[in-house]
N, C-alpha and C. Protein backbone atom coordinates (compact mmCIF):
# COMPACT_ATOMS: atom_id res chain seq x y z
N MET A 1 8.65 -19.31 19.31
CA MET A 1 9.43 -18.86 18.16
C MET A 1 8.49 -18.77 16.96
N ASP A 2 8.46 -17.61 16.32
CA ASP A 2 7.57 -17.49 15.18
C ASP A 2 8.14 -18.21 13.97
N TRP A 3 7.35 -18.34 12.93
CA TRP A 3 7.71 -19.17 11.77
C TRP A 3 8.91 -18.61 11.02
N ARG A 4 9.10 -17.28 11.01
CA ARG A 4 10.26 -16.70 10.30
C ARG A 4 11.56 -17.09 10.98
N LYS A 5 11.57 -16.99 12.29
CA LYS A 5 12.77 -17.35 13.04
C LYS A 5 13.06 -18.84 12.88
N ALA A 6 12.02 -19.64 12.87
CA ALA A 6 12.20 -21.08 12.69
C ALA A 6 12.78 -21.39 11.32
N MET A 7 12.30 -20.67 10.28
CA MET A 7 12.83 -20.89 8.93
C MET A 7 14.30 -20.49 8.84
N VAL A 8 14.65 -19.34 9.44
CA VAL A 8 16.04 -18.89 9.42
C VAL A 8 16.92 -19.89 10.16
N ALA A 9 16.46 -20.36 11.32
CA ALA A 9 17.23 -21.33 12.08
C ALA A 9 17.43 -22.62 11.29
N ALA A 10 16.38 -23.07 10.62
CA ALA A 10 16.48 -24.29 9.82
C ALA A 10 17.43 -24.08 8.64
N ALA A 11 17.35 -22.93 8.01
CA ALA A 11 18.24 -22.65 6.87
C ALA A 11 19.69 -22.57 7.32
N LEU A 12 19.93 -21.92 8.46
CA LEU A 12 21.30 -21.84 8.98
C LEU A 12 21.83 -23.23 9.35
N ALA A 13 20.97 -24.03 9.99
CA ALA A 13 21.39 -25.38 10.36
C ALA A 13 21.73 -26.19 9.12
N THR A 14 20.94 -26.05 8.09
CA THR A 14 21.18 -26.77 6.84
C THR A 14 22.48 -26.30 6.19
N ALA A 15 22.70 -24.99 6.19
CA ALA A 15 23.90 -24.44 5.57
C ALA A 15 25.15 -24.90 6.32
N PHE A 16 25.10 -24.89 7.63
CA PHE A 16 26.26 -25.29 8.41
C PHE A 16 26.48 -26.80 8.37
N ALA A 17 25.41 -27.56 8.31
CA ALA A 17 25.54 -29.02 8.27
C ALA A 17 26.18 -29.47 6.96
N GLY A 18 25.92 -28.73 5.89
CA GLY A 18 26.44 -29.11 4.59
C GLY A 18 27.89 -28.70 4.36
N THR A 19 28.48 -27.94 5.23
CA THR A 19 29.86 -27.49 5.03
C THR A 19 30.80 -28.32 5.88
N ALA A 20 32.01 -28.40 5.41
CA ALA A 20 33.04 -29.13 6.17
C ALA A 20 33.40 -28.33 7.41
N ALA A 21 33.85 -29.01 8.44
CA ALA A 21 34.24 -28.32 9.66
C ALA A 21 35.34 -27.32 9.36
N GLY A 22 35.16 -26.10 9.85
CA GLY A 22 36.17 -25.08 9.65
C GLY A 22 36.05 -24.32 8.34
N ALA A 23 35.19 -24.76 7.43
CA ALA A 23 35.04 -24.07 6.15
C ALA A 23 34.24 -22.78 6.36
N ASP A 24 34.57 -21.77 5.58
CA ASP A 24 33.86 -20.50 5.68
C ASP A 24 32.50 -20.60 5.01
N VAL A 25 31.51 -20.01 5.65
CA VAL A 25 30.16 -19.96 5.12
C VAL A 25 29.85 -18.48 4.86
N LYS A 26 29.42 -18.20 3.64
CA LYS A 26 29.12 -16.81 3.27
C LYS A 26 27.61 -16.62 3.31
N ILE A 27 27.16 -15.73 4.22
CA ILE A 27 25.74 -15.49 4.43
C ILE A 27 25.45 -14.02 4.12
N GLY A 28 24.38 -13.79 3.38
CA GLY A 28 23.96 -12.42 3.07
C GLY A 28 22.61 -12.14 3.68
N PHE A 29 22.32 -10.86 3.87
CA PHE A 29 21.04 -10.44 4.44
C PHE A 29 20.44 -9.35 3.56
N VAL A 30 19.14 -9.45 3.30
CA VAL A 30 18.43 -8.45 2.51
C VAL A 30 17.30 -7.89 3.36
N ASN A 31 17.27 -6.58 3.51
CA ASN A 31 16.20 -5.91 4.23
C ASN A 31 15.09 -5.60 3.21
N THR A 32 14.14 -6.52 3.09
CA THR A 32 13.10 -6.38 2.07
C THR A 32 12.21 -5.17 2.31
N GLU A 33 11.99 -4.82 3.56
CA GLU A 33 11.19 -3.63 3.85
C GLU A 33 11.86 -2.39 3.27
N ARG A 34 13.16 -2.31 3.42
CA ARG A 34 13.90 -1.17 2.88
C ARG A 34 13.89 -1.18 1.35
N VAL A 35 13.99 -2.36 0.76
CA VAL A 35 13.92 -2.48 -0.70
C VAL A 35 12.60 -1.93 -1.20
N PHE A 36 11.47 -2.32 -0.56
CA PHE A 36 10.16 -1.86 -0.98
C PHE A 36 9.95 -0.37 -0.72
N ARG A 37 10.71 0.18 0.21
CA ARG A 37 10.55 1.59 0.55
C ARG A 37 11.48 2.49 -0.27
N GLU A 38 12.72 2.04 -0.54
CA GLU A 38 13.74 2.93 -1.09
C GLU A 38 14.22 2.60 -2.50
N ALA A 39 14.00 1.42 -2.97
CA ALA A 39 14.51 1.04 -4.29
C ALA A 39 13.83 1.87 -5.38
N ALA A 40 14.59 2.17 -6.43
CA ALA A 40 14.06 2.98 -7.53
C ALA A 40 12.79 2.38 -8.14
N PRO A 41 12.74 1.07 -8.41
CA PRO A 41 11.49 0.52 -8.97
C PRO A 41 10.30 0.68 -8.01
N ALA A 42 10.55 0.60 -6.72
CA ALA A 42 9.46 0.77 -5.75
C ALA A 42 8.98 2.22 -5.74
N ARG A 43 9.91 3.16 -5.80
CA ARG A 43 9.53 4.58 -5.84
C ARG A 43 8.78 4.90 -7.13
N ARG A 44 9.24 4.33 -8.25
CA ARG A 44 8.54 4.55 -9.53
C ARG A 44 7.12 3.97 -9.47
N ALA A 45 6.97 2.81 -8.86
CA ALA A 45 5.64 2.20 -8.73
C ALA A 45 4.73 3.09 -7.89
N GLN A 46 5.26 3.66 -6.81
CA GLN A 46 4.47 4.54 -5.95
C GLN A 46 4.04 5.79 -6.72
N GLN A 47 4.96 6.37 -7.48
CA GLN A 47 4.63 7.55 -8.28
C GLN A 47 3.59 7.22 -9.35
N LYS A 48 3.71 6.06 -9.94
CA LYS A 48 2.75 5.62 -10.96
C LYS A 48 1.35 5.51 -10.35
N LEU A 49 1.27 4.94 -9.15
CA LEU A 49 -0.02 4.82 -8.48
C LEU A 49 -0.60 6.19 -8.13
N GLU A 50 0.26 7.09 -7.69
CA GLU A 50 -0.22 8.44 -7.36
C GLU A 50 -0.80 9.14 -8.59
N ARG A 51 -0.10 9.00 -9.72
CA ARG A 51 -0.61 9.60 -10.97
C ARG A 51 -1.92 8.94 -11.38
N GLU A 52 -1.96 7.62 -11.28
CA GLU A 52 -3.12 6.86 -11.71
C GLU A 52 -4.37 7.21 -10.91
N PHE A 53 -4.21 7.51 -9.63
CA PHE A 53 -5.36 7.75 -8.76
C PHE A 53 -5.60 9.23 -8.47
N SER A 54 -4.82 10.12 -9.07
CA SER A 54 -4.96 11.55 -8.76
C SER A 54 -6.33 12.09 -9.17
N ALA A 55 -6.85 11.73 -10.33
CA ALA A 55 -8.15 12.23 -10.78
C ALA A 55 -9.27 11.76 -9.85
N ARG A 56 -9.20 10.51 -9.44
CA ARG A 56 -10.24 9.98 -8.55
C ARG A 56 -10.15 10.60 -7.17
N ASN A 57 -8.92 10.87 -6.71
CA ASN A 57 -8.77 11.54 -5.41
C ASN A 57 -9.29 12.97 -5.48
N ALA A 58 -9.09 13.63 -6.62
CA ALA A 58 -9.62 14.99 -6.80
C ALA A 58 -11.15 14.96 -6.77
N GLU A 59 -11.74 13.97 -7.41
CA GLU A 59 -13.20 13.82 -7.40
C GLU A 59 -13.69 13.60 -5.97
N LEU A 60 -12.96 12.81 -5.21
CA LEU A 60 -13.32 12.55 -3.82
C LEU A 60 -13.24 13.83 -3.01
N ALA A 61 -12.19 14.63 -3.22
CA ALA A 61 -12.04 15.89 -2.51
C ALA A 61 -13.17 16.86 -2.85
N LYS A 62 -13.60 16.84 -4.12
CA LYS A 62 -14.70 17.69 -4.56
C LYS A 62 -16.00 17.30 -3.84
N LEU A 63 -16.25 15.99 -3.74
CA LEU A 63 -17.45 15.52 -3.02
C LEU A 63 -17.39 15.89 -1.54
N GLU A 64 -16.20 15.79 -0.97
CA GLU A 64 -16.03 16.13 0.45
C GLU A 64 -16.35 17.61 0.68
N LYS A 65 -15.86 18.48 -0.21
CA LYS A 65 -16.12 19.91 -0.10
C LYS A 65 -17.60 20.20 -0.27
N GLN A 66 -18.23 19.53 -1.23
CA GLN A 66 -19.67 19.70 -1.45
C GLN A 66 -20.44 19.34 -0.19
N GLY A 67 -20.05 18.26 0.46
CA GLY A 67 -20.71 17.83 1.70
C GLY A 67 -20.51 18.83 2.82
N ARG A 68 -19.28 19.34 2.95
CA ARG A 68 -19.01 20.36 3.99
C ARG A 68 -19.83 21.62 3.73
N ASP A 69 -19.92 22.04 2.46
CA ASP A 69 -20.69 23.23 2.12
C ASP A 69 -22.17 23.05 2.44
N LEU A 70 -22.71 21.90 2.08
CA LEU A 70 -24.12 21.62 2.39
C LEU A 70 -24.36 21.61 3.90
N GLN A 71 -23.43 21.00 4.64
CA GLN A 71 -23.54 20.94 6.10
C GLN A 71 -23.53 22.35 6.69
N SER A 72 -22.65 23.19 6.19
CA SER A 72 -22.56 24.57 6.67
C SER A 72 -23.85 25.33 6.37
N GLU A 73 -24.37 25.18 5.15
CA GLU A 73 -25.62 25.84 4.79
C GLU A 73 -26.76 25.40 5.70
N LEU A 74 -26.81 24.10 5.94
CA LEU A 74 -27.86 23.57 6.80
C LEU A 74 -27.76 24.14 8.21
N GLU A 75 -26.55 24.17 8.76
CA GLU A 75 -26.37 24.68 10.12
C GLU A 75 -26.70 26.16 10.20
N LYS A 76 -26.30 26.90 9.16
CA LYS A 76 -26.49 28.35 9.16
C LYS A 76 -27.96 28.72 8.95
N ASP A 77 -28.64 28.02 8.02
CA ASP A 77 -29.99 28.42 7.62
C ASP A 77 -31.09 27.53 8.19
N SER A 78 -30.77 26.62 9.06
CA SER A 78 -31.78 25.65 9.51
C SER A 78 -32.97 26.31 10.21
N VAL A 79 -32.75 27.42 10.88
CA VAL A 79 -33.84 28.08 11.60
C VAL A 79 -34.76 28.83 10.63
N THR A 80 -34.17 29.41 9.58
CA THR A 80 -34.96 30.24 8.67
C THR A 80 -35.55 29.47 7.49
N LEU A 81 -35.03 28.27 7.21
CA LEU A 81 -35.52 27.49 6.06
C LEU A 81 -36.89 26.90 6.35
N PRO A 82 -37.77 26.92 5.35
CA PRO A 82 -39.04 26.18 5.51
C PRO A 82 -38.74 24.68 5.68
N GLU A 83 -39.64 23.99 6.31
CA GLU A 83 -39.46 22.57 6.62
C GLU A 83 -39.13 21.74 5.38
N ALA A 84 -39.84 21.97 4.27
CA ALA A 84 -39.62 21.20 3.04
C ALA A 84 -38.23 21.46 2.48
N ALA A 85 -37.78 22.69 2.50
CA ALA A 85 -36.45 23.05 1.99
C ALA A 85 -35.36 22.45 2.87
N ARG A 86 -35.61 22.47 4.19
CA ARG A 86 -34.63 21.88 5.12
C ARG A 86 -34.50 20.38 4.89
N ARG A 87 -35.64 19.70 4.72
CA ARG A 87 -35.60 18.25 4.46
C ARG A 87 -34.91 17.95 3.14
N GLU A 88 -35.11 18.78 2.14
CA GLU A 88 -34.45 18.60 0.84
C GLU A 88 -32.93 18.74 0.99
N LYS A 89 -32.50 19.73 1.75
CA LYS A 89 -31.05 19.92 1.98
C LYS A 89 -30.48 18.72 2.75
N GLU A 90 -31.22 18.24 3.73
CA GLU A 90 -30.76 17.07 4.50
C GLU A 90 -30.66 15.84 3.60
N ARG A 91 -31.61 15.70 2.68
CA ARG A 91 -31.58 14.58 1.74
C ARG A 91 -30.36 14.71 0.81
N GLN A 92 -30.12 15.92 0.33
CA GLN A 92 -28.95 16.16 -0.52
C GLN A 92 -27.66 15.83 0.22
N LEU A 93 -27.59 16.26 1.48
CA LEU A 93 -26.40 15.98 2.29
C LEU A 93 -26.22 14.49 2.49
N ALA A 94 -27.29 13.77 2.74
CA ALA A 94 -27.22 12.31 2.92
C ALA A 94 -26.75 11.65 1.63
N ASP A 95 -27.26 12.12 0.48
CA ASP A 95 -26.83 11.57 -0.81
C ASP A 95 -25.35 11.81 -1.06
N VAL A 96 -24.90 13.03 -0.80
CA VAL A 96 -23.48 13.36 -1.01
C VAL A 96 -22.62 12.52 -0.08
N SER A 97 -23.06 12.38 1.17
CA SER A 97 -22.30 11.59 2.14
C SER A 97 -22.22 10.13 1.70
N ARG A 98 -23.33 9.58 1.25
CA ARG A 98 -23.36 8.19 0.78
C ARG A 98 -22.44 8.01 -0.45
N ASN A 99 -22.52 8.95 -1.39
CA ASN A 99 -21.66 8.88 -2.58
C ASN A 99 -20.19 9.01 -2.21
N PHE A 100 -19.89 9.89 -1.25
CA PHE A 100 -18.52 10.06 -0.79
C PHE A 100 -17.99 8.76 -0.21
N GLN A 101 -18.76 8.15 0.67
CA GLN A 101 -18.32 6.90 1.31
C GLN A 101 -18.15 5.78 0.30
N ARG A 102 -19.08 5.70 -0.67
CA ARG A 102 -18.98 4.66 -1.70
C ARG A 102 -17.73 4.86 -2.54
N LEU A 103 -17.51 6.09 -3.00
CA LEU A 103 -16.35 6.38 -3.83
C LEU A 103 -15.05 6.16 -3.05
N GLN A 104 -15.04 6.57 -1.80
CA GLN A 104 -13.85 6.37 -0.96
C GLN A 104 -13.53 4.88 -0.83
N ARG A 105 -14.55 4.07 -0.61
CA ARG A 105 -14.36 2.61 -0.48
C ARG A 105 -13.85 2.01 -1.79
N GLU A 106 -14.43 2.44 -2.92
CA GLU A 106 -14.00 1.93 -4.22
C GLU A 106 -12.55 2.30 -4.50
N ILE A 107 -12.19 3.54 -4.22
CA ILE A 107 -10.82 3.98 -4.45
C ILE A 107 -9.85 3.18 -3.58
N ARG A 108 -10.20 3.01 -2.32
CA ARG A 108 -9.33 2.26 -1.40
C ARG A 108 -9.14 0.82 -1.88
N GLU A 109 -10.23 0.18 -2.31
CA GLU A 109 -10.13 -1.21 -2.79
C GLU A 109 -9.29 -1.29 -4.06
N ASP A 110 -9.55 -0.38 -5.01
CA ASP A 110 -8.78 -0.37 -6.26
C ASP A 110 -7.31 -0.06 -6.01
N LEU A 111 -7.05 0.88 -5.11
CA LEU A 111 -5.67 1.23 -4.79
C LEU A 111 -4.94 0.04 -4.16
N ASN A 112 -5.59 -0.64 -3.24
CA ASN A 112 -4.96 -1.82 -2.63
C ASN A 112 -4.66 -2.90 -3.67
N LEU A 113 -5.59 -3.12 -4.57
CA LEU A 113 -5.37 -4.11 -5.62
C LEU A 113 -4.19 -3.71 -6.51
N ARG A 114 -4.18 -2.47 -6.96
CA ARG A 114 -3.09 -1.98 -7.82
C ARG A 114 -1.75 -1.97 -7.08
N ARG A 115 -1.76 -1.59 -5.80
CA ARG A 115 -0.52 -1.58 -5.02
C ARG A 115 0.04 -2.99 -4.91
N ASN A 116 -0.84 -3.96 -4.67
CA ASN A 116 -0.38 -5.35 -4.60
C ASN A 116 0.22 -5.82 -5.93
N GLU A 117 -0.40 -5.41 -7.04
CA GLU A 117 0.13 -5.77 -8.36
C GLU A 117 1.52 -5.15 -8.57
N GLU A 118 1.64 -3.88 -8.26
CA GLU A 118 2.92 -3.18 -8.44
C GLU A 118 3.99 -3.76 -7.52
N LEU A 119 3.64 -4.04 -6.27
CA LEU A 119 4.62 -4.60 -5.33
C LEU A 119 5.05 -6.00 -5.76
N ALA A 120 4.16 -6.76 -6.36
CA ALA A 120 4.53 -8.09 -6.85
C ALA A 120 5.58 -7.97 -7.94
N GLN A 121 5.44 -6.98 -8.81
CA GLN A 121 6.44 -6.76 -9.86
C GLN A 121 7.78 -6.34 -9.27
N VAL A 122 7.73 -5.44 -8.27
CA VAL A 122 8.96 -5.01 -7.60
C VAL A 122 9.62 -6.19 -6.91
N GLN A 123 8.82 -7.00 -6.25
CA GLN A 123 9.35 -8.17 -5.54
C GLN A 123 10.00 -9.15 -6.52
N GLU A 124 9.38 -9.34 -7.67
CA GLU A 124 9.93 -10.24 -8.67
C GLU A 124 11.30 -9.74 -9.16
N ARG A 125 11.38 -8.45 -9.45
CA ARG A 125 12.66 -7.86 -9.89
C ARG A 125 13.72 -7.97 -8.80
N ALA A 126 13.32 -7.68 -7.56
CA ALA A 126 14.26 -7.74 -6.44
C ALA A 126 14.77 -9.17 -6.24
N THR A 127 13.88 -10.14 -6.35
CA THR A 127 14.27 -11.54 -6.18
C THR A 127 15.28 -11.96 -7.24
N ARG A 128 15.02 -11.54 -8.50
CA ARG A 128 15.98 -11.85 -9.57
C ARG A 128 17.34 -11.22 -9.29
N ALA A 129 17.34 -9.94 -8.87
CA ALA A 129 18.60 -9.25 -8.59
C ALA A 129 19.33 -9.91 -7.42
N ILE A 130 18.61 -10.26 -6.39
CA ILE A 130 19.22 -10.91 -5.22
C ILE A 130 19.82 -12.25 -5.62
N ASN A 131 19.10 -13.02 -6.41
CA ASN A 131 19.61 -14.32 -6.86
C ASN A 131 20.86 -14.16 -7.72
N GLN A 132 20.88 -13.16 -8.61
CA GLN A 132 22.06 -12.92 -9.44
C GLN A 132 23.27 -12.56 -8.58
N ILE A 133 23.06 -11.68 -7.61
CA ILE A 133 24.16 -11.27 -6.73
C ILE A 133 24.63 -12.46 -5.91
N ALA A 134 23.68 -13.23 -5.38
CA ALA A 134 24.04 -14.39 -4.56
C ALA A 134 24.87 -15.39 -5.35
N GLU A 135 24.51 -15.62 -6.61
CA GLU A 135 25.27 -16.55 -7.44
C GLU A 135 26.64 -15.99 -7.82
N SER A 136 26.67 -14.72 -8.23
CA SER A 136 27.95 -14.15 -8.67
C SER A 136 28.93 -13.97 -7.51
N GLU A 137 28.41 -13.67 -6.32
CA GLU A 137 29.26 -13.48 -5.15
C GLU A 137 29.46 -14.77 -4.35
N LYS A 138 28.84 -15.84 -4.80
CA LYS A 138 28.95 -17.17 -4.20
C LYS A 138 28.53 -17.20 -2.71
N PHE A 139 27.34 -16.66 -2.46
CA PHE A 139 26.78 -16.74 -1.11
C PHE A 139 26.24 -18.13 -0.89
N ASP A 140 26.45 -18.65 0.32
CA ASP A 140 25.88 -19.95 0.68
C ASP A 140 24.42 -19.81 1.11
N LEU A 141 24.09 -18.65 1.69
CA LEU A 141 22.74 -18.43 2.20
C LEU A 141 22.44 -16.94 2.15
N VAL A 142 21.25 -16.61 1.70
CA VAL A 142 20.78 -15.23 1.73
C VAL A 142 19.47 -15.23 2.51
N VAL A 143 19.44 -14.39 3.54
CA VAL A 143 18.27 -14.31 4.43
C VAL A 143 17.59 -12.98 4.20
């Protein structure tokens, strides 16, 4: 039994042990995955991240195109290019490729950090809303 199931079982046992025999127990369930996917604050956070990273993604796409263009030139002209010019193009391609990979890694790391920050805010709001509903509706347990 994984730890989540064990926690739910322990919470249910505690809830039922604390009630009188025959008393009704009100239990609620929250699908947190759905909250993070469909709730308005979660969608707004996703849109905010997309806007925030759009310029950097455009820069990444530009580097990718530059690399593809250099690769095409090299493949097309490799037979006719002098050795020094071919080596220069290969060096340029290696530089573009290295810059692309570095920028891609930086964007991915920054995006993950920002996504975690935004999701923490969404989670905090969701927890407050769930607690308010649980109290106002008098739930004994919310899973």
